[in-house]
Amino acid sequence: MLKEKVILVDPNDNEIGTMEKMEAHRKGELHRAFSVFIFNSNGEILIQKRSSEKYHSGGLWSNTCCSHPRKGESAMEGATRRLYEEMGMKAKLSHAFSFQYKAHLDHDLIENELDHVFIGYSNELPALNPLEVESYCYVSPELLSMGLEKHKEEYTEWLKICFDQLMNHLNKNLHYEKVG
């Protein structure tokens, strides 16, 4: 079986090649990624607890799902695919914003990602892939903000980094108002 590769990019998100995923995370090479945030009709965010068996950040709470697009796949296509693979859900997604971050993780790995953030709405209950996700819950943005502040160690680095930017985007665009 071929090892999964990530798309290496420059700071302007121009593709410059591919690299095996673990090698890119060991070397800290900048690569394309995506993060998905699903909201329900109560304005709550669906968060997941990553499987303890994940190669990094296992057992931590994170956004609805995240990963890397494959070669020849747009970030939107990858986000839609991965939402179904991890959470067993389908939802119409819209691109909210992108951000770049670099963070040192467990197992001597480095996340250096240009992350495309997508937002969607669903009242569907997830059908978890146990290889990827241990648990989930819907949480209000206010409660999640308090958790990120008081229990930082329980959350993934990228969620801590992008949450305020997500809230600013949503407040500006009124995306998380109750739907339905």
Protein backbone atom coordinates (compact mmCIF):
# COMPACT_ATOMS: atom_id res chain seq x y z
CA MET A 1 0.00 0.00 0.00
CA LEU A 2 1.31 3.47 -0.91
CA LYS A 3 2.04 5.85 1.94
CA GLU A 4 -0.19 8.91 2.05
CA LYS A 5 1.34 12.09 0.67
CA VAL A 6 0.65 15.74 1.40
CA ILE A 7 0.81 18.64 -1.03
CA LEU A 8 3.73 20.95 -0.30
CA VAL A 9 2.97 24.64 -0.89
CA ASP A 10 4.62 28.02 -0.69
CA PRO A 11 3.14 30.72 1.62
CA ASN A 12 0.79 31.76 -1.24
CA ASP A 13 -0.64 28.22 -1.47
CA ASN A 14 1.07 27.45 -4.77
CA GLU A 15 1.89 23.75 -5.11
CA ILE A 16 5.61 23.00 -5.11
CA GLY A 17 5.51 19.19 -4.81
CA THR A 18 4.41 16.31 -2.63
CA MET A 19 5.98 14.49 0.30
CA GLU A 20 5.09 11.47 2.38
CA LYS A 21 2.89 12.71 5.24
CA MET A 22 5.04 11.52 8.15
CA GLU A 23 8.22 12.89 6.56
CA ALA A 24 6.56 16.30 6.07
CA HIS A 25 5.53 16.30 9.74
CA ARG A 26 8.99 15.24 10.93
CA LYS A 27 10.69 17.95 8.82
CA GLY A 28 8.05 20.63 9.41
CA GLU A 29 7.50 21.26 5.68
CA LEU A 30 4.70 23.68 4.77
CA HIS A 31 1.77 21.76 3.30
CA ARG A 32 -1.91 22.20 2.47
CA ALA A 33 -4.55 21.17 4.99
CA PHE A 34 -8.19 21.78 5.80
CA SER A 35 -10.36 22.05 8.90
CA VAL A 36 -14.14 21.59 9.01
CA PHE A 37 -16.54 23.09 11.54
CA ILE A 38 -20.12 21.80 11.51
CA PHE A 39 -22.80 23.78 13.33
CA ASN A 40 -26.28 22.53 14.27
CA SER A 41 -29.51 24.54 14.25
CA ASN A 42 -28.84 25.62 17.87
CA GLY A 43 -25.60 27.31 16.79
CA GLU A 44 -23.49 24.66 18.53
CA ILE A 45 -20.20 23.40 17.10
CA LEU A 46 -19.68 19.67 16.57
CA ILE A 47 -16.29 18.78 18.07
CA GLN A 48 -14.57 15.41 18.13
CA LYS A 49 -12.16 13.66 20.45
CA ARG A 50 -9.41 12.25 18.27
CA SER A 51 -8.65 8.55 18.57
CA SER A 52 -5.89 7.87 21.10
CA GLU A 53 -4.23 5.81 18.35
CA LYS A 54 -3.71 8.80 16.01
CA TYR A 55 -0.09 9.49 15.03
CA HIS A 56 -0.25 12.84 16.83
CA SER A 57 -2.63 14.72 19.12
CA GLY A 58 -4.40 11.47 20.04
CA GLY A 59 -7.13 11.76 22.67
CA LEU A 60 -7.43 15.54 22.25
CA TRP A 61 -10.60 17.46 21.41
CA SER A 62 -10.64 19.15 18.02
CA ASN A 63 -12.90 20.64 15.38
CA THR A 64 -15.39 18.44 13.51
CA CYS A 65 -12.70 17.02 11.23
CA CYS A 66 -9.42 17.93 9.58
CA SER A 67 -6.88 16.42 7.24
CA HIS A 68 -5.01 17.02 3.99
CA PRO A 69 -6.29 17.08 0.41
CA ARG A 70 -4.84 14.49 -1.93
CA LYS A 71 -2.93 15.31 -5.11
CA GLY A 72 -5.46 16.46 -7.72
CA GLU A 73 -8.13 17.08 -5.08
CA SER A 74 -9.25 20.57 -4.03
CA ALA A 75 -9.34 21.45 -0.34
CA MET A 76 -13.17 21.50 -0.59
CA GLU A 77 -13.25 18.02 -2.13
CA GLY A 78 -10.88 16.73 0.56
CA ALA A 79 -12.94 18.33 3.33
CA THR A 80 -16.15 16.79 2.01
CA ARG A 81 -14.48 13.37 1.67
CA ARG A 82 -12.91 13.48 5.11
CA LEU A 83 -16.11 14.66 6.85
CA TYR A 84 -17.72 11.47 5.61
CA GLU A 85 -14.70 9.23 6.36
CA GLU A 86 -14.25 10.44 9.95
CA MET A 87 -17.76 11.43 11.02
CA GLY A 88 -20.03 9.56 8.57
CA MET A 89 -21.70 12.87 7.67
CA LYS A 90 -22.50 14.85 4.56
CA ALA A 91 -23.03 18.60 4.61
CA LYS A 92 -22.74 21.46 2.19
CA LEU A 93 -19.53 23.26 3.08
CA SER A 94 -18.43 26.82 2.39
CA HIS A 95 -14.91 28.20 2.58
CA ALA A 96 -14.61 30.63 5.50
CA PHE A 97 -10.93 31.63 5.59
CA SER A 98 -7.39 30.27 5.43
CA PHE A 99 -4.53 30.63 7.89
CA GLN A 100 -0.96 29.43 8.23
CA TYR A 101 0.48 28.07 11.44
CA LYS A 102 3.44 26.13 12.74
CA ALA A 103 3.24 24.12 15.96
CA HIS A 104 5.42 21.52 17.65
CA LEU A 105 3.40 18.43 18.57
CA ASP A 106 3.89 15.20 20.46
CA HIS A 107 6.16 12.47 19.03
CA ASP A 108 8.62 15.18 17.81
CA LEU A 109 6.31 16.13 14.93
CA ILE A 110 5.78 19.61 13.52
CA GLU A 111 2.57 20.87 11.95
CA ASN A 112 3.41 23.53 9.37
CA GLU A 113 0.18 23.99 7.48
CA LEU A 114 -1.67 26.36 5.25
CA ASP A 115 -5.11 25.43 6.56
CA HIS A 116 -8.34 26.08 4.64
CA VAL A 117 -11.28 26.37 7.04
CA PHE A 118 -14.75 25.23 5.94
CA ILE A 119 -18.09 25.71 7.67
CA GLY A 120 -21.23 23.61 7.26
CA TYR A 121 -24.58 23.05 8.93
CA SER A 122 -26.22 19.76 9.90
CA ASN A 123 -28.48 18.30 12.55
CA GLU A 124 -27.44 14.81 11.49
CA LEU A 125 -25.82 12.70 14.22
CA PRO A 126 -22.34 11.47 13.35
CA ALA A 127 -21.55 7.82 12.62
CA LEU A 128 -17.99 7.79 13.97
CA ASN A 129 -15.08 5.97 12.39
CA PRO A 130 -13.48 4.47 15.55
CA LEU A 131 -10.03 4.44 13.91
CA GLU A 132 -10.22 8.23 13.73
CA VAL A 133 -12.61 9.45 16.43
CA GLU A 134 -13.29 8.32 20.02
CA SER A 135 -16.18 10.61 20.87
CA TYR A 136 -18.04 13.77 19.89
CA CYS A 137 -20.23 16.45 21.37
CA TYR A 138 -22.04 19.60 20.33
CA VAL A 139 -20.90 22.63 22.30
CA SER A 140 -21.78 26.30 22.26
CA PRO A 141 -19.05 28.63 21.00
CA GLU A 142 -19.03 30.30 24.42
CA LEU A 143 -18.46 27.02 26.27
CA LEU A 144 -15.78 25.94 23.82
CA SER A 145 -14.03 29.29 24.27
CA MET A 146 -13.99 28.76 28.06
CA GLY A 147 -12.65 25.21 27.61
CA LEU A 148 -9.88 26.42 25.32
CA GLU A 149 -8.92 29.03 27.91
CA LYS A 150 -9.10 26.90 31.06
CA HIS A 151 -8.12 23.44 29.77
CA LYS A 152 -5.72 24.15 26.88
CA GLU A 153 -4.01 20.80 27.23
CA GLU A 154 -7.22 18.97 26.24
CA TYR A 155 -7.43 20.56 22.75
CA THR A 156 -5.46 20.34 19.51
CA GLU A 157 -3.00 23.09 18.67
CA TRP A 158 -4.75 24.11 15.45
CA LEU A 159 -8.11 24.48 17.19
CA LYS A 160 -6.52 26.74 19.81
CA ILE A 161 -4.85 28.78 17.08
CA CYS A 162 -7.83 29.27 14.75
CA PHE A 163 -10.80 29.46 17.13
CA ASP A 164 -10.72 33.24 17.63
CA GLN A 165 -10.36 33.78 13.90
CA LEU A 166 -13.35 31.48 13.34
CA MET A 167 -15.44 33.43 15.85
CA ASN A 168 -14.43 36.75 14.26
CA HIS A 169 -15.41 35.42 10.84
CA LEU A 170 -18.73 34.11 12.11
CA ASN A 171 -19.58 37.29 14.00
CA LYS A 172 -18.78 39.34 10.92
CA ASN A 173 -20.79 37.08 8.61
CA LEU A 174 -23.48 35.88 11.07
CA HIS A 175 -22.84 32.26 10.01
CA TYR A 176 -23.54 30.61 13.30
CA GLU A 177 -27.01 32.02 13.89
CA LYS A 178 -29.66 29.38 14.38
CA VAL A 179 -30.74 27.84 11.09
CA GLY A 180 -34.05 26.19 10.28
